[in-house]
Amino acid sequence: MLTEYNEMNQTKLLSYCGLNLVKHKKIFDDMTKKGLIQRTEKAWGNKTIVNYKITEKGKQFCKAILEPYEEMFPRKDLDKEKLNN
């Protein structure tokens, strides 16, 4: 997702990916520690907006690992699958 949009706020990213912050925060923390994504915080009134951005290392990881995996094992297109059933 971040490879397509480069940067997203935490709420939008979690919603788009269908993830729960409480359950999946460790994954985001691990990816940040490994340098695949960058986390930034911005004050917005009395709230803090958290943004995630893919790093160059993250882009390289996607090209080297994830893209070949997706090519070898493509995800099923759920809309096409629904039409065929």
C-alpha atoms as a PDB file:
ATOM      1  CA  MET A   1       0.000   0.000   0.000  1.00  0.00           C
ATOM      2  CA  LEU A   2       2.719   2.463   0.938  1.00  0.00           C
ATOM      3  CA  THR A   3       4.570   1.603  -2.255  1.00  0.00           C
ATOM      4  CA  GLU A   4       1.612   3.011  -4.195  1.00  0.00           C
ATOM      5  CA  TYR A   5       0.863   6.088  -2.074  1.00  0.00           C
ATOM      6  CA  ASN A   6       4.331   6.666  -0.544  1.00  0.00           C
ATOM      7  CA  GLU A   7       2.856   8.085   2.693  1.00  0.00           C
ATOM      8  CA  MET A   8      -0.394   7.572   4.615  1.00  0.00           C
ATOM      9  CA  ASN A   9      -1.713   8.437   8.023  1.00  0.00           C
ATOM     10  CA  GLN A  10      -2.036   5.572  10.469  1.00  0.00           C
ATOM     11  CA  THR A  11      -5.840   5.514  10.471  1.00  0.00           C
ATOM     12  CA  LYS A  12      -6.136   5.383   6.694  1.00  0.00           C
ATOM     13  CA  LEU A  13      -3.384   2.766   6.361  1.00  0.00           C
ATOM     14  CA  LEU A  14      -4.877   0.453   8.985  1.00  0.00           C
ATOM     15  CA  SER A  15      -8.361   0.851   7.542  1.00  0.00           C
ATOM     16  CA  TYR A  16      -7.252   0.169   3.979  1.00  0.00           C
ATOM     17  CA  CYS A  17      -5.294  -2.923   5.030  1.00  0.00           C
ATOM     18  CA  GLY A  18      -8.037  -4.155   7.363  1.00  0.00           C
ATOM     19  CA  LEU A  19      -5.701  -4.213  10.359  1.00  0.00           C
ATOM     20  CA  ASN A  20      -6.287  -3.483  14.027  1.00  0.00           C
ATOM     21  CA  LEU A  21      -3.789  -1.159  15.722  1.00  0.00           C
ATOM     22  CA  VAL A  22      -3.839  -3.032  19.025  1.00  0.00           C
ATOM     23  CA  LYS A  23      -3.211  -6.386  17.354  1.00  0.00           C
ATOM     24  CA  HIS A  24      -0.794  -5.242  14.637  1.00  0.00           C
ATOM     25  CA  LYS A  25       1.177  -2.365  16.194  1.00  0.00           C
ATOM     26  CA  LYS A  26       4.148  -4.675  16.800  1.00  0.00           C
ATOM     27  CA  ILE A  27       4.393  -5.323  13.043  1.00  0.00           C
ATOM     28  CA  PHE A  28       4.570  -1.588  12.320  1.00  0.00           C
ATOM     29  CA  ASP A  29       7.116  -1.133  15.115  1.00  0.00           C
ATOM     30  CA  ASP A  30       9.262  -3.982  13.733  1.00  0.00           C
ATOM     31  CA  MET A  31       9.109  -2.604  10.188  1.00  0.00           C
ATOM     32  CA  THR A  32      10.139   0.813  11.525  1.00  0.00           C
ATOM     33  CA  LYS A  33      13.057  -0.657  13.499  1.00  0.00           C
ATOM     34  CA  LYS A  34      14.211  -2.558  10.399  1.00  0.00           C
ATOM     35  CA  GLY A  35      14.115   0.617   8.319  1.00  0.00           C
ATOM     36  CA  LEU A  36      11.391  -0.501   5.906  1.00  0.00           C
ATOM     37  CA  ILE A  37       9.023   2.320   6.877  1.00  0.00           C
ATOM     38  CA  GLN A  38       9.383   5.651   8.631  1.00  0.00           C
ATOM     39  CA  ARG A  39       6.982   6.843  11.336  1.00  0.00           C
ATOM     40  CA  THR A  40       6.398  10.557  11.922  1.00  0.00           C
ATOM     41  CA  GLU A  41       4.110  12.399  14.301  1.00  0.00           C
ATOM     42  CA  LYS A  42       2.527  15.806  13.720  1.00  0.00           C
ATOM     43  CA  ALA A  43       0.588  17.819  16.267  1.00  0.00           C
ATOM     44  CA  TRP A  44      -2.889  18.773  15.107  1.00  0.00           C
ATOM     45  CA  GLY A  45      -4.661  20.736  17.825  1.00  0.00           C
ATOM     46  CA  ASN A  46      -4.902  18.494  20.855  1.00  0.00           C
ATOM     47  CA  LYS A  47      -4.367  15.355  18.730  1.00  0.00           C
ATOM     48  CA  THR A  48      -1.318  13.740  17.230  1.00  0.00           C
ATOM     49  CA  ILE A  49      -1.421  12.531  13.645  1.00  0.00           C
ATOM     50  CA  VAL A  50       0.825   9.533  12.941  1.00  0.00           C
ATOM     51  CA  ASN A  51       2.061   9.070   9.370  1.00  0.00           C
ATOM     52  CA  TYR A  52       3.939   6.182   7.825  1.00  0.00           C
ATOM     53  CA  LYS A  53       6.155   6.519   4.779  1.00  0.00           C
ATOM     54  CA  ILE A  54       8.021   3.825   2.865  1.00  0.00           C
ATOM     55  CA  THR A  55      11.801   4.149   2.893  1.00  0.00           C
ATOM     56  CA  GLU A  56      14.212   3.396   0.062  1.00  0.00           C
ATOM     57  CA  LYS A  57      15.092   0.146   1.877  1.00  0.00           C
ATOM     58  CA  GLY A  58      11.372  -0.684   1.976  1.00  0.00           C
ATOM     59  CA  LYS A  59      11.022  -0.050  -1.756  1.00  0.00           C
ATOM     60  CA  GLN A  60      14.017  -2.303  -2.451  1.00  0.00           C
ATOM     61  CA  PHE A  61      12.518  -5.025  -0.236  1.00  0.00           C
ATOM     62  CA  CYS A  62       9.250  -4.868  -2.171  1.00  0.00           C
ATOM     63  CA  LYS A  63      11.031  -5.138  -5.516  1.00  0.00           C
ATOM     64  CA  ALA A  64      13.337  -7.954  -4.419  1.00  0.00           C
ATOM     65  CA  ILE A  65      10.964 -10.041  -2.280  1.00  0.00           C
ATOM     66  CA  LEU A  66       7.299  -9.078  -2.499  1.00  0.00           C
ATOM     67  CA  GLU A  67       6.923  -8.444  -6.240  1.00  0.00           C
ATOM     68  CA  PRO A  68       8.392 -11.845  -7.242  1.00  0.00           C
ATOM     69  CA  TYR A  69       6.223 -13.514  -4.573  1.00  0.00           C
ATOM     70  CA  GLU A  70       3.079 -11.787  -5.903  1.00  0.00           C
ATOM     71  CA  GLU A  71       3.998 -12.884  -9.422  1.00  0.00           C
ATOM     72  CA  MET A  72       4.500 -16.484  -8.347  1.00  0.00           C
ATOM     73  CA  PHE A  73       1.457 -16.612  -6.055  1.00  0.00           C
ATOM     74  CA  PRO A  74      -1.035 -13.955  -7.211  1.00  0.00           C
ATOM     75  CA  ARG A  75      -3.865 -12.994  -4.926  1.00  0.00           C
ATOM     76  CA  LYS A  76      -7.295 -13.980  -6.089  1.00  0.00           C
ATOM     77  CA  ASP A  77      -9.297 -11.092  -7.439  1.00  0.00           C
ATOM     78  CA  LEU A  78     -12.307 -11.225  -5.124  1.00  0.00           C
ATOM     79  CA  ASP A  79     -14.568  -9.279  -7.508  1.00  0.00           C
ATOM     80  CA  LYS A  80     -13.880 -11.715 -10.382  1.00  0.00           C
ATOM     81  CA  GLU A  81     -14.325 -14.651  -8.040  1.00  0.00           C
ATOM     82  CA  LYS A  82     -17.734 -13.341  -6.909  1.00  0.00           C
ATOM     83  CA  LEU A  83     -18.853 -12.896 -10.523  1.00  0.00           C
ATOM     84  CA  ASN A  84     -17.881 -16.453 -11.406  1.00  0.00           C
ATOM     85  CA  ASN A  85     -19.845 -17.978  -8.498  1.00  0.00           C
END
